[in-house]
Amino acid sequence: MTNTGIISQKSLITAVFEAAEHARKHLARFIPDLDRDRTEYAVATVLLEEAWVSRAG
């Protein structure tokens, strides 16, 4: 894997976790007692899986 690939993966992971945090904040408006870490991890997992599938296809 090239350095560009590594940087790209790091950028993707950073962006995914930022999006997950943003999503959790919006969800917390409707469900105030959401577990922060579990919610962000769940959203990030789905986003990363979608990114992986789209790259593979």
PDB file of N, CA and C in Angstrom:
ATOM      1  N   MET A   1       0.849  -1.174   0.000  1.00  0.00           N
ATOM      2  CA  MET A   1       0.000   0.000   0.000  1.00  0.00           C
ATOM      3  C   MET A   1       0.894   1.236   0.000  1.00  0.00           C
ATOM      4  N   THR A   2       0.524   2.217  -0.766  1.00  0.00           N
ATOM      5  CA  THR A   2       1.323   3.434  -0.863  1.00  0.00           C
ATOM      6  C   THR A   2       0.987   4.376   0.273  1.00  0.00           C
ATOM      7  N   ASN A   3       1.832   5.386   0.436  1.00  0.00           N
ATOM      8  CA  ASN A   3       1.551   6.404   1.444  1.00  0.00           C
ATOM      9  C   ASN A   3       0.247   7.124   1.147  1.00  0.00           C
ATOM     10  N   THR A   4      -0.049   7.332  -0.144  1.00  0.00           N
ATOM     11  CA  THR A   4      -1.293   7.981  -0.516  1.00  0.00           C
ATOM     12  C   THR A   4      -2.490   7.169  -0.038  1.00  0.00           C
ATOM     13  N   GLY A   5      -2.415   5.846  -0.169  1.00  0.00           N
ATOM     14  CA  GLY A   5      -3.484   4.985   0.304  1.00  0.00           C
ATOM     15  C   GLY A   5      -3.677   5.065   1.794  1.00  0.00           C
ATOM     16  N   ILE A   6      -2.597   5.147   2.526  1.00  0.00           N
ATOM     17  CA  ILE A   6      -2.658   5.252   3.985  1.00  0.00           C
ATOM     18  C   ILE A   6      -3.277   6.588   4.388  1.00  0.00           C
ATOM     19  N   ILE A   7      -2.836   7.661   3.762  1.00  0.00           N
ATOM     20  CA  ILE A   7      -3.388   8.984   4.067  1.00  0.00           C
ATOM     21  C   ILE A   7      -4.869   9.009   3.734  1.00  0.00           C
ATOM     22  N   SER A   8      -5.235   8.417   2.623  1.00  0.00           N
ATOM     23  CA  SER A   8      -6.631   8.371   2.219  1.00  0.00           C
ATOM     24  C   SER A   8      -7.464   7.623   3.253  1.00  0.00           C
ATOM     25  N   GLN A   9      -6.942   6.500   3.752  1.00  0.00           N
ATOM     26  CA  GLN A   9      -7.671   5.736   4.766  1.00  0.00           C
ATOM     27  C   GLN A   9      -7.812   6.538   6.050  1.00  0.00           C
ATOM     28  N   LYS A  10      -6.748   7.220   6.456  1.00  0.00           N
ATOM     29  CA  LYS A  10      -6.812   8.035   7.673  1.00  0.00           C
ATOM     30  C   LYS A  10      -7.829   9.156   7.514  1.00  0.00           C
ATOM     31  N   SER A  11      -7.843   9.785   6.344  1.00  0.00           N
ATOM     32  CA  SER A  11      -8.799  10.858   6.088  1.00  0.00           C
ATOM     33  C   SER A  11     -10.222  10.333   6.116  1.00  0.00           C
ATOM     34  N   LEU A  12     -10.427   9.169   5.522  1.00  0.00           N
ATOM     35  CA  LEU A  12     -11.750   8.563   5.508  1.00  0.00           C
ATOM     36  C   LEU A  12     -12.220   8.250   6.924  1.00  0.00           C
ATOM     37  N   ILE A  13     -11.367   7.645   7.706  1.00  0.00           N
ATOM     38  CA  ILE A  13     -11.733   7.281   9.083  1.00  0.00           C
ATOM     39  C   ILE A  13     -12.043   8.526   9.904  1.00  0.00           C
ATOM     40  N   THR A  14     -11.231   9.561   9.759  1.00  0.00           N
ATOM     41  CA  THR A  14     -11.471  10.812  10.481  1.00  0.00           C
ATOM     42  C   THR A  14     -12.815  11.410  10.081  1.00  0.00           C
ATOM     43  N   ALA A  15     -13.080  11.458   8.792  1.00  0.00           N
ATOM     44  CA  ALA A  15     -14.344  12.021   8.306  1.00  0.00           C
ATOM     45  C   ALA A  15     -15.536  11.202   8.790  1.00  0.00           C
ATOM     46  N   VAL A  16     -15.390   9.893   8.797  1.00  0.00           N
ATOM     47  CA  VAL A  16     -16.478   9.021   9.243  1.00  0.00           C
ATOM     48  C   VAL A  16     -16.786   9.259  10.716  1.00  0.00           C
ATOM     49  N   PHE A  17     -15.775   9.361  11.552  1.00  0.00           N
ATOM     50  CA  PHE A  17     -16.045   9.570  12.971  1.00  0.00           C
ATOM     51  C   PHE A  17     -16.580  10.976  13.252  1.00  0.00           C
ATOM     52  N   GLU A  18     -16.189  11.960  12.447  1.00  0.00           N
ATOM     53  CA  GLU A  18     -16.776  13.297  12.585  1.00  0.00           C
ATOM     54  C   GLU A  18     -18.250  13.268  12.201  1.00  0.00           C
ATOM     55  N   ALA A  19     -18.576  12.551  11.128  1.00  0.00           N
ATOM     56  CA  ALA A  19     -19.976  12.414  10.715  1.00  0.00           C
ATOM     57  C   ALA A  19     -20.781  11.653  11.760  1.00  0.00           C
ATOM     58  N   ALA A  20     -20.181  10.627  12.344  1.00  0.00           N
ATOM     59  CA  ALA A  20     -20.858   9.848  13.381  1.00  0.00           C
ATOM     60  C   ALA A  20     -21.168  10.708  14.600  1.00  0.00           C
ATOM     61  N   GLU A  21     -20.229  11.557  14.974  1.00  0.00           N
ATOM     62  CA  GLU A  21     -20.464  12.449  16.114  1.00  0.00           C
ATOM     63  C   GLU A  21     -21.599  13.420  15.792  1.00  0.00           C
ATOM     64  N   HIS A  22     -21.588  13.954  14.597  1.00  0.00           N
ATOM     65  CA  HIS A  22     -22.635  14.875  14.155  1.00  0.00           C
ATOM     66  C   HIS A  22     -23.998  14.182  14.175  1.00  0.00           C
ATOM     67  N   ALA A  23     -24.061  12.962  13.666  1.00  0.00           N
ATOM     68  CA  ALA A  23     -25.310  12.200  13.649  1.00  0.00           C
ATOM     69  C   ALA A  23     -25.793  11.926  15.070  1.00  0.00           C
ATOM     70  N   ARG A  24     -24.877  11.561  15.941  1.00  0.00           N
ATOM     71  CA  ARG A  24     -25.267  11.280  17.331  1.00  0.00           C
ATOM     72  C   ARG A  24     -25.855  12.518  17.998  1.00  0.00           C
ATOM     73  N   LYS A  25     -25.272  13.685  17.719  1.00  0.00           N
ATOM     74  CA  LYS A  25     -25.797  14.919  18.309  1.00  0.00           C
ATOM     75  C   LYS A  25     -27.222  15.182  17.841  1.00  0.00           C
ATOM     76  N   HIS A  26     -27.483  14.935  16.569  1.00  0.00           N
ATOM     77  CA  HIS A  26     -28.835  15.135  16.051  1.00  0.00           C
ATOM     78  C   HIS A  26     -29.801  14.097  16.613  1.00  0.00           C
ATOM     79  N   LEU A  27     -29.370  12.860  16.722  1.00  0.00           N
ATOM     80  CA  LEU A  27     -30.231  11.821  17.293  1.00  0.00           C
ATOM     81  C   LEU A  27     -30.537  12.095  18.764  1.00  0.00           C
ATOM     82  N   ALA A  28     -29.584  12.693  19.470  1.00  0.00           N
ATOM     83  CA  ALA A  28     -29.770  12.959  20.901  1.00  0.00           C
ATOM     84  C   ALA A  28     -30.896  13.954  21.150  1.00  0.00           C
ATOM     85  N   ARG A  29     -31.236  14.742  20.152  1.00  0.00           N
ATOM     86  CA  ARG A  29     -32.372  15.660  20.299  1.00  0.00           C
ATOM     87  C   ARG A  29     -33.675  14.880  20.479  1.00  0.00           C
ATOM     88  N   PHE A  30     -33.763  13.724  19.822  1.00  0.00           N
ATOM     89  CA  PHE A  30     -34.973  12.917  19.873  1.00  0.00           C
ATOM     90  C   PHE A  30     -34.897  11.835  20.940  1.00  0.00           C
ATOM     91  N   ILE A  31     -33.681  11.364  21.207  1.00  0.00           N
ATOM     92  CA  ILE A  31     -33.477  10.303  22.200  1.00  0.00           C
ATOM     93  C   ILE A  31     -32.332  10.744  23.116  1.00  0.00           C
ATOM     94  N   PRO A  32     -32.651  11.551  24.121  1.00  0.00           N
ATOM     95  CA  PRO A  32     -31.607  12.174  24.950  1.00  0.00           C
ATOM     96  C   PRO A  32     -30.706  11.206  25.714  1.00  0.00           C
ATOM     97  N   ASP A  33     -31.174   9.997  25.996  1.00  0.00           N
ATOM     98  CA  ASP A  33     -30.373   9.085  26.810  1.00  0.00           C
ATOM     99  C   ASP A  33     -29.544   8.101  25.980  1.00  0.00           C
ATOM    100  N   LEU A  34     -29.263   8.429  24.729  1.00  0.00           N
ATOM    101  CA  LEU A  34     -28.410   7.572  23.900  1.00  0.00           C
ATOM    102  C   LEU A  34     -27.010   7.469  24.495  1.00  0.00           C
ATOM    103  N   ASP A  35     -26.446   6.302  24.427  1.00  0.00           N
ATOM    104  CA  ASP A  35     -25.059   6.107  24.846  1.00  0.00           C
ATOM    105  C   ASP A  35     -24.161   6.694  23.757  1.00  0.00           C
ATOM    106  N   ARG A  36     -23.403   7.707  24.115  1.00  0.00           N
ATOM    107  CA  ARG A  36     -22.601   8.442  23.140  1.00  0.00           C
ATOM    108  C   ARG A  36     -21.646   7.537  22.375  1.00  0.00           C
ATOM    109  N   ASP A  37     -20.833   6.796  23.074  1.00  0.00           N
ATOM    110  CA  ASP A  37     -19.812   5.978  22.426  1.00  0.00           C
ATOM    111  C   ASP A  37     -20.416   4.881  21.546  1.00  0.00           C
ATOM    112  N   ARG A  38     -21.418   4.206  22.056  1.00  0.00           N
ATOM    113  CA  ARG A  38     -22.045   3.126  21.278  1.00  0.00           C
ATOM    114  C   ARG A  38     -22.720   3.665  20.017  1.00  0.00           C
ATOM    115  N   THR A  39     -23.382   4.799  20.138  1.00  0.00           N
ATOM    116  CA  THR A  39     -24.066   5.387  18.989  1.00  0.00           C
ATOM    117  C   THR A  39     -23.072   5.815  17.922  1.00  0.00           C
ATOM    118  N   GLU A  40     -22.025   6.533  18.337  1.00  0.00           N
ATOM    119  CA  GLU A  40     -21.016   6.977  17.371  1.00  0.00           C
ATOM    120  C   GLU A  40     -20.324   5.778  16.722  1.00  0.00           C
ATOM    121  N   TYR A  41     -20.020   4.761  17.499  1.00  0.00           N
ATOM    122  CA  TYR A  41     -19.360   3.574  16.952  1.00  0.00           C
ATOM    123  C   TYR A  41     -20.268   2.869  15.950  1.00  0.00           C
ATOM    124  N   ALA A  42     -21.554   2.751  16.270  1.00  0.00           N
ATOM    125  CA  ALA A  42     -22.497   2.088  15.362  1.00  0.00           C
ATOM    126  C   ALA A  42     -22.613   2.841  14.046  1.00  0.00           C
ATOM    127  N   VAL A  43     -22.742   4.146  14.112  1.00  0.00           N
ATOM    128  CA  VAL A  43     -22.846   4.952  12.888  1.00  0.00           C
ATOM    129  C   VAL A  43     -21.546   4.863  12.099  1.00  0.00           C
ATOM    130  N   ALA A  44     -20.422   4.979  12.764  1.00  0.00           N
ATOM    131  CA  ALA A  44     -19.125   4.893  12.081  1.00  0.00           C
ATOM    132  C   ALA A  44     -18.932   3.533  11.423  1.00  0.00           C
ATOM    133  N   THR A  45     -19.359   2.481  12.082  1.00  0.00           N
ATOM    134  CA  THR A  45     -19.232   1.136  11.526  1.00  0.00           C
ATOM    135  C   THR A  45     -20.011   1.015  10.223  1.00  0.00           C
ATOM    136  N   VAL A  46     -21.222   1.509  10.213  1.00  0.00           N
ATOM    137  CA  VAL A  46     -22.042   1.447   9.000  1.00  0.00           C
ATOM    138  C   VAL A  46     -21.410   2.276   7.891  1.00  0.00           C
ATOM    139  N   LEU A  47     -20.966   3.478   8.209  1.00  0.00           N
ATOM    140  CA  LEU A  47     -20.359   4.335   7.186  1.00  0.00           C
ATOM    141  C   LEU A  47     -19.082   3.722   6.617  1.00  0.00           C
ATOM    142  N   LEU A  48     -18.249   3.157   7.478  1.00  0.00           N
ATOM    143  CA  LEU A  48     -17.016   2.529   6.994  1.00  0.00           C
ATOM    144  C   LEU A  48     -17.316   1.301   6.147  1.00  0.00           C
ATOM    145  N   GLU A  49     -18.322   0.527   6.543  1.00  0.00           N
ATOM    146  CA  GLU A  49     -18.704  -0.642   5.754  1.00  0.00           C
ATOM    147  C   GLU A  49     -19.211  -0.214   4.382  1.00  0.00           C
ATOM    148  N   GLU A  50     -19.997   0.826   4.335  1.00  0.00           N
ATOM    149  CA  GLU A  50     -20.503   1.343   3.053  1.00  0.00           C
ATOM    150  C   GLU A  50     -19.358   1.840   2.186  1.00  0.00           C
ATOM    151  N   ALA A  51     -18.398   2.505   2.772  1.00  0.00           N
ATOM    152  CA  ALA A  51     -17.240   2.988   2.013  1.00  0.00           C
ATOM    153  C   ALA A  51     -16.431   1.815   1.476  1.00  0.00           C
ATOM    154  N   TRP A  52     -16.264   0.784   2.290  1.00  0.00           N
ATOM    155  CA  TRP A  52     -15.513  -0.396   1.863  1.00  0.00           C
ATOM    156  C   TRP A  52     -16.217  -1.106   0.704  1.00  0.00           C
ATOM    157  N   VAL A  53     -17.542  -1.248   0.826  1.00  0.00           N
ATOM    158  CA  VAL A  53     -18.318  -1.924  -0.222  1.00  0.00           C
ATOM    159  C   VAL A  53     -18.270  -1.125  -1.514  1.00  0.00           C
ATOM    160  N   SER A  54     -18.374   0.186  -1.414  1.00  0.00           N
ATOM    161  CA  SER A  54     -18.367   1.004  -2.632  1.00  0.00           C
ATOM    162  C   SER A  54     -16.999   0.972  -3.323  1.00  0.00           C
ATOM    163  N   ARG A  55     -15.939   0.849  -2.553  1.00  0.00           N
ATOM    164  CA  ARG A  55     -14.587   0.748  -3.145  1.00  0.00           C
ATOM    165  C   ARG A  55     -14.376  -0.621  -3.787  1.00  0.00           C
ATOM    166  N   ALA A  56     -14.956  -1.644  -3.183  1.00  0.00           N
ATOM    167  CA  ALA A  56     -14.766  -3.006  -3.692  1.00  0.00           C
ATOM    168  C   ALA A  56     -15.578  -3.247  -4.967  1.00  0.00           C
ATOM    169  N   GLY A  57     -16.669  -2.523  -5.098  1.00  0.00           N
ATOM    170  CA  GLY A  57     -17.567  -2.766  -6.228  1.00  0.00           C
ATOM    171  C   GLY A  57     -17.222  -1.982  -7.380  1.00  0.00           C
TER     172      GLY A  57
END
